[in-house]
Structures are given as C-alpha cells and as structure tokens.
C-alpha cells in the first residue's frame, strides 16, 4: 500500500521537472534583417549676425573709459561661435600698446594686448583676432569689443573691426571657451 506522501512527492517532482524544462532555453537564433532607415531629423540652427565698422576709430587714451569698437545683441537660449577681428595703427607715427577686451553683458570674457609697429617707411598695422564659443542663457545678451591705450605716445586708431556670431545650437551650453588668441602682434 502506498502512502499519500508518496503521491505528493511524485506530483511535486513532476511539477519541478516541468518547471525546469519550461525555463530552459536554447541558443539565440540569427539576427533578422536591418529595418529601414528612419526619417532625417530637422535641420539645426544656422543664424549668422555680423557687425562691421570699416572706418578709422580713435581709441580712448585711458582705460577708465574704453572705446567700444563693435557691439551686438544675440538672442537665447542658444550657443554661438563669435569671432572678433580688426586692425590697429598709430595716427601719430609712433608705436602704441593697446588693450583689446571682449565683454558679455558688461562682464569681461577675454583680454588681449596689441602693439602697433612703426618702421622707416611709416606704420605697419597690427591685427587682432579671436574666436569664442559662448552661451546666451537668457532671452538676450550683449557682446562688445572694447579698447584703450596702455602705452606709447601716439593716438591708437582701429579700422575694419568685425564682430561675427553664428548660432550653432539651441538651449544652454558652455559658458565661454576660448578657441583662439590675438593675432601675431598680440600677447596674453
């Protein structure tokens, strides 16, 4: 005569065996063919702004009141690549040393110095140029290039001052990353 516990153990063993077989899986099969490519995303932002001052502009003889060479307002939130450039010479035929600074909303982002070169035939213009990746976190920001004379006897004059901005992204990004410096006559 069989006991009831023998039957329960047999049923329990059969259930356990069924669960083991049900959870065993074989090797994965080969991958199916690739699906069709999705639709192209929207074109990114491309908004370019330029401010150009081509005339001769006398630079302040003191750094307490810097001369604004170029200025522009940019909308945000967005990220822009900004490039500033121009030329400097001394109207008095003597060498001058000039501070050229880059500002966002009255806060200085970059500082550089340029000196005009004088030789026996007259003046040789010195250039300045830099590029920066900047963020406009709010609705707008104002960017300016300002200059003042640091030394020398002549009156510093700039010409062909250019400030270019190309929007390269929307939203907020890097606050300010320098990507270039002043031209060959500049120092940091």
Protein backbone atom coordinates (compact mmCIF):
# COMPACT_ATOMS: atom_id res chain seq x y z
CA UNK A 1 0.00 0.00 0.00
CA UNK A 2 1.25 3.43 -0.97
CA UNK A 3 1.14 6.33 1.36
CA UNK A 4 -0.30 9.66 0.48
CA UNK A 5 3.04 11.35 0.98
CA UNK A 6 4.48 9.18 -1.81
CA UNK A 7 1.85 10.53 -4.20
CA UNK A 8 2.51 14.13 -3.10
CA UNK A 9 6.24 13.68 -3.64
CA UNK A 10 5.63 12.23 -7.10
CA UNK A 11 3.39 15.14 -8.06
CA UNK A 12 5.88 17.63 -6.61
CA UNK A 13 8.75 16.01 -8.57
CA UNK A 14 6.71 16.10 -11.78
CA UNK A 15 5.90 19.83 -11.28
CA UNK A 16 9.57 20.64 -10.59
CA UNK A 17 10.67 18.75 -13.72
CA UNK A 18 8.07 20.62 -15.80
CA UNK A 19 9.33 23.98 -14.49
CA UNK A 20 12.94 23.10 -15.24
CA UNK A 21 12.13 22.07 -18.80
CA UNK A 22 9.95 25.16 -19.34
CA UNK A 23 12.69 27.59 -18.26
CA UNK A 24 15.50 26.04 -20.29
CA UNK A 25 16.26 27.97 -23.46
CA UNK A 26 18.40 27.11 -26.41
CA UNK A 27 20.93 29.30 -28.21
CA UNK A 28 19.68 32.55 -29.77
CA UNK A 29 18.89 32.43 -33.46
CA UNK A 30 20.49 34.57 -36.15
CA UNK A 31 19.59 38.29 -36.21
CA UNK A 32 16.92 39.32 -38.67
CA UNK A 33 17.46 41.83 -41.48
CA UNK A 34 18.00 45.50 -40.58
CA UNK A 35 14.97 47.75 -40.70
CA UNK A 36 14.55 50.73 -43.00
CA UNK A 37 16.34 53.96 -42.06
CA UNK A 38 14.28 56.49 -40.15
CA UNK A 39 13.32 59.92 -41.44
CA UNK A 40 16.01 62.63 -41.37
CA UNK A 41 15.85 64.95 -38.38
CA UNK A 42 15.20 68.68 -38.66
CA UNK A 43 17.98 70.97 -39.87
CA UNK A 44 19.91 72.53 -36.99
CA UNK A 45 20.00 76.25 -36.30
CA UNK A 46 22.03 78.49 -38.55
CA UNK A 47 21.64 82.12 -37.67
CA UNK A 48 24.57 84.41 -38.54
CA UNK A 49 24.96 88.03 -37.45
CA UNK A 50 27.72 90.46 -38.40
CA UNK A 51 28.65 93.95 -37.21
CA UNK A 52 31.32 95.70 -39.27
CA UNK A 53 32.93 99.06 -38.54
CA UNK A 54 35.16 99.88 -41.53
CA UNK A 55 36.08 103.48 -40.71
CA UNK A 56 39.01 104.69 -38.64
CA UNK A 57 38.02 104.78 -34.98
CA UNK A 58 40.22 106.56 -32.41
CA UNK A 59 40.80 104.56 -29.24
CA UNK A 60 40.50 106.02 -25.75
CA UNK A 61 43.81 107.20 -24.32
CA UNK A 62 42.85 105.90 -20.85
CA UNK A 63 41.46 102.53 -19.83
CA UNK A 64 38.96 104.12 -17.44
CA UNK A 65 36.75 104.81 -20.46
CA UNK A 66 37.31 102.09 -23.06
CA UNK A 67 36.18 102.75 -26.64
CA UNK A 68 33.53 100.31 -27.93
CA UNK A 69 34.81 99.00 -31.27
CA UNK A 70 31.87 96.71 -32.09
CA UNK A 71 28.72 95.60 -30.29
CA UNK A 72 25.85 93.17 -30.95
CA UNK A 73 22.87 91.70 -29.12
CA UNK A 74 22.16 87.97 -29.52
CA UNK A 75 19.01 86.07 -28.59
CA UNK A 76 18.87 82.92 -26.50
CA UNK A 77 18.83 80.48 -25.07
CA UNK A 78 21.44 79.47 -27.64
CA UNK A 79 25.13 78.77 -28.20
CA UNK A 80 27.11 80.91 -30.65
CA UNK A 81 30.57 80.89 -32.18
CA UNK A 82 31.74 84.52 -32.05
CA UNK A 83 34.74 85.85 -33.96
CA UNK A 84 36.17 89.34 -33.47
CA UNK A 85 38.89 90.89 -35.62
CA UNK A 86 40.34 94.20 -36.70
CA UNK A 87 43.47 96.25 -37.28
CA UNK A 88 45.34 98.84 -35.22
CA UNK A 89 47.79 101.61 -36.10
CA UNK A 90 49.14 104.78 -34.56
CA UNK A 91 47.99 108.00 -36.19
CA UNK A 92 50.95 109.90 -34.74
CA UNK A 93 53.56 107.71 -36.42
CA UNK A 94 54.80 106.38 -33.07
CA UNK A 95 54.31 102.98 -31.52
CA UNK A 96 51.31 102.36 -29.25
CA UNK A 97 50.29 99.49 -26.98
CA UNK A 98 46.56 98.77 -26.79
CA UNK A 99 44.30 96.62 -24.58
CA UNK A 100 41.50 94.91 -26.52
CA UNK A 101 38.82 93.24 -24.41
CA UNK A 102 35.71 91.14 -25.06
CA UNK A 103 32.61 91.61 -22.90
CA UNK A 104 29.25 89.86 -22.45
CA UNK A 105 26.62 91.92 -20.60
CA UNK A 106 29.36 94.18 -19.14
CA UNK A 107 31.36 91.18 -17.80
CA UNK A 108 34.82 90.75 -19.31
CA UNK A 109 35.33 87.40 -21.08
CA UNK A 110 38.74 87.93 -22.67
CA UNK A 111 41.70 90.30 -22.55
CA UNK A 112 44.45 90.78 -25.09
CA UNK A 113 47.10 93.32 -25.92
CA UNK A 114 48.28 94.52 -29.32
CA UNK A 115 51.09 96.90 -30.27
CA UNK A 116 51.37 98.88 -33.48
CA UNK A 117 54.65 98.58 -35.33
CA UNK A 118 56.47 101.59 -36.79
CA UNK A 119 59.30 101.28 -39.34
CA UNK A 120 61.22 103.68 -41.56
CA UNK A 121 58.51 103.77 -44.23
CA UNK A 122 55.70 104.58 -41.81
CA UNK A 123 53.27 102.48 -39.84
CA UNK A 124 52.54 98.78 -40.21
CA UNK A 125 49.05 97.83 -38.98
CA UNK A 126 48.84 95.18 -36.29
CA UNK A 127 45.89 92.80 -36.22
CA UNK A 128 43.78 91.24 -33.50
CA UNK A 129 41.51 88.23 -33.87
CA UNK A 130 39.90 85.61 -31.67
CA UNK A 131 37.02 83.15 -31.63
CA UNK A 132 34.95 82.09 -28.66
CA UNK A 133 32.15 79.64 -28.07
CA UNK A 134 29.63 81.46 -25.88
CA UNK A 135 26.27 80.74 -24.32
CA UNK A 136 23.30 83.08 -24.18
CA UNK A 137 21.41 81.60 -21.24
CA UNK A 138 18.61 84.17 -21.05
CA UNK A 139 16.49 85.91 -23.68
CA UNK A 140 19.35 88.19 -24.88
CA UNK A 141 22.97 89.07 -24.19
CA UNK A 142 25.01 92.00 -25.48
CA UNK A 143 28.58 91.37 -26.68
CA UNK A 144 31.16 94.13 -27.12
CA UNK A 145 34.78 94.53 -28.15
CA UNK A 146 36.35 97.46 -26.27
CA UNK A 147 39.83 99.01 -26.45
CA UNK A 148 42.07 101.54 -24.70
CA UNK A 149 45.67 102.70 -24.96
CA UNK A 150 48.03 101.08 -22.44
CA UNK A 151 51.22 102.83 -23.53
CA UNK A 152 53.03 104.76 -26.25
CA UNK A 153 52.87 108.34 -27.40
CA UNK A 154 50.67 108.08 -30.49
CA UNK A 155 46.91 108.07 -30.80
CA UNK A 156 45.79 104.50 -31.47
CA UNK A 157 43.30 104.05 -34.28
CA UNK A 158 41.48 100.87 -35.39
CA UNK A 159 39.81 100.05 -38.68
CA UNK A 160 37.86 97.16 -40.20
CA UNK A 161 36.61 95.97 -36.83
CA UNK A 162 34.34 92.97 -37.32
CA UNK A 163 32.21 91.01 -34.86
CA UNK A 164 30.59 87.85 -36.27
CA UNK A 165 28.28 85.41 -34.50
CA UNK A 166 26.96 82.10 -35.83
CA UNK A 167 24.35 80.22 -33.82
CA UNK A 168 25.46 76.61 -33.53
CA UNK A 169 22.98 75.24 -31.01
CA UNK A 170 19.82 75.94 -29.07
CA UNK A 171 19.42 75.76 -25.33
CA UNK A 172 22.21 76.31 -22.86
CA UNK A 173 25.75 75.06 -23.27
CA UNK A 174 29.31 76.05 -22.46
CA UNK A 175 29.58 79.47 -20.88
CA UNK A 176 32.76 80.52 -22.58
CA UNK A 177 35.58 78.55 -24.15
CA UNK A 178 38.47 80.31 -25.86
CA UNK A 179 39.28 78.87 -29.25
CA UNK A 180 41.91 81.31 -30.47
CA UNK A 181 44.05 84.19 -29.42
CA UNK A 182 45.19 87.51 -30.66
CA UNK A 183 46.98 87.90 -33.96
CA UNK A 184 50.75 87.72 -34.39
CA UNK A 185 51.34 91.09 -32.73
CA UNK A 186 49.32 90.15 -29.62
CA UNK A 187 50.28 88.62 -26.31
CA UNK A 188 48.40 87.06 -23.41
